[in-house]
Protein backbone atom coordinates (compact mmCIF):
# COMPACT_ATOMS: atom_id res chain seq x y z
CA MET A 1 58.53 25.27 -17.60
CA SER A 2 59.15 27.38 -13.88
CA ALA A 3 61.55 30.17 -13.17
CA GLU A 4 64.20 28.59 -12.23
CA SER A 5 64.38 25.90 -15.04
CA ASP A 6 64.18 29.58 -17.14
CA LEU A 7 67.29 30.42 -14.84
CA ALA A 8 69.22 27.77 -14.86
CA PRO A 9 71.49 28.78 -18.02
CA VAL A 10 71.98 32.01 -16.98
CA LEU A 11 73.30 30.82 -13.03
CA HIS A 12 75.07 28.21 -14.07
CA ILE A 13 77.33 31.31 -17.21
CA GLU A 14 76.72 33.53 -13.91
CA ARG A 15 79.22 31.01 -12.07
CA GLU A 16 81.43 29.48 -14.76
CA LEU A 17 82.22 33.52 -15.70
CA ARG A 18 82.82 34.43 -11.72
CA HIS A 19 85.09 31.16 -11.83
CA LEU A 20 87.44 32.38 -15.03
CA SER A 21 87.04 35.84 -13.93
CA ILE A 22 88.92 35.34 -10.44
CA GLN A 23 91.30 32.33 -11.57
CA ILE A 24 92.49 35.30 -15.08
CA THR A 25 93.42 37.60 -12.09
CA GLN A 26 95.09 35.50 -9.47
CA PRO A 27 99.21 36.48 -9.28
CA LYS A 28 100.16 33.69 -11.05
CA PRO A 29 102.99 31.96 -9.06
CA ARG A 30 106.09 33.67 -9.09
CA GLU A 31 104.73 36.59 -10.83
CA CYS A 32 105.99 39.83 -9.21
CA LEU A 33 103.71 43.53 -8.05
CA HIS A 34 104.89 44.80 -11.38
CA CYS A 35 104.46 42.54 -13.67
CA TYR A 36 101.25 41.42 -12.02
CA VAL A 37 100.43 44.22 -12.65
CA TYR A 38 101.09 45.30 -16.31
CA ARG A 39 99.04 41.87 -17.31
CA MET A 40 95.50 43.21 -15.60
CA LEU A 41 96.34 46.80 -17.39
CA GLU A 42 94.04 44.35 -19.92
CA PHE A 43 90.87 44.95 -18.12
CA GLY A 44 90.81 48.69 -16.96
CA CYS A 45 93.25 51.07 -15.53
CA THR A 46 91.31 50.80 -11.83
CA GLY A 47 94.24 53.26 -9.72
CA LEU A 48 96.17 51.09 -7.09
CA ARG A 49 93.29 48.30 -7.85
CA TRP A 50 95.79 45.81 -9.03
CA ALA A 51 99.07 46.41 -6.83
CA LYS A 52 95.96 45.86 -3.38
CA ARG A 53 94.59 42.80 -5.00
CA TYR A 54 97.61 41.13 -5.49
CA ARG A 55 99.24 42.59 -2.08
CA ASP A 56 95.92 41.26 -0.33
CA LEU A 57 96.35 38.18 -2.27
CA ARG A 58 100.88 37.34 -1.55
CA ALA A 59 101.63 39.59 0.83
CA PRO A 60 98.22 41.06 3.78
CA ARG A 61 100.69 42.19 6.56
CA ALA A 62 102.27 44.77 4.19
CA THR A 63 99.57 47.28 4.96
CA ALA A 64 102.39 50.44 4.28
CA LEU A 65 102.29 48.71 0.55
CA ASP A 66 99.50 51.91 -0.18
CA ARG A 67 101.07 54.70 1.05
CA ARG A 68 104.02 53.87 -0.41
CA LEU A 69 102.52 53.56 -4.10
CA THR A 70 100.24 56.11 -3.13
CA SER A 71 103.44 58.48 -3.18
CA PHE A 72 104.24 57.27 -6.50
CA CYS A 73 101.37 57.83 -8.40
CA ALA A 74 101.02 59.63 -11.54
CA VAL A 75 97.69 62.70 -11.42
CA GLY A 76 95.56 62.97 -14.33
CA ARG A 77 93.81 60.45 -15.98
CA SER A 78 96.17 57.61 -15.87
CA SER A 79 96.93 56.63 -11.78
CA LEU A 80 99.32 54.42 -13.17
CA PRO A 81 102.46 54.83 -11.29
CA ARG A 82 105.33 56.97 -11.96
CA TRP A 83 107.31 53.81 -11.81
CA MET A 84 105.80 51.63 -13.99
CA ARG A 85 105.45 54.07 -16.18
CA LYS A 86 109.26 54.54 -16.26
CA SER A 87 110.22 51.10 -16.29
CA PRO A 88 112.45 49.07 -18.70
CA VAL A 89 109.84 46.52 -18.61
CA LEU A 90 107.12 48.66 -20.21
CA ASN A 91 109.62 50.99 -22.86
């Protein structure tokens, strides 16, 4: 067997995983920023990464979002924004 045929299943699985990761991290139709970030926390709290992804996909011209959200961020182990921690949706 050639090296290419040995790698074919691996390449197929990588392609599938890439497709699935894009699919599950897409904002749902009519999903707000708050609900999207909360849902994405299942995949890890990585600062404002999820809020930026939402912004890039839904409102790429909202360039002040980074600055506005950064002003609300907590300091400590989790950079989950304060506005999310105090939300009645999460409590």
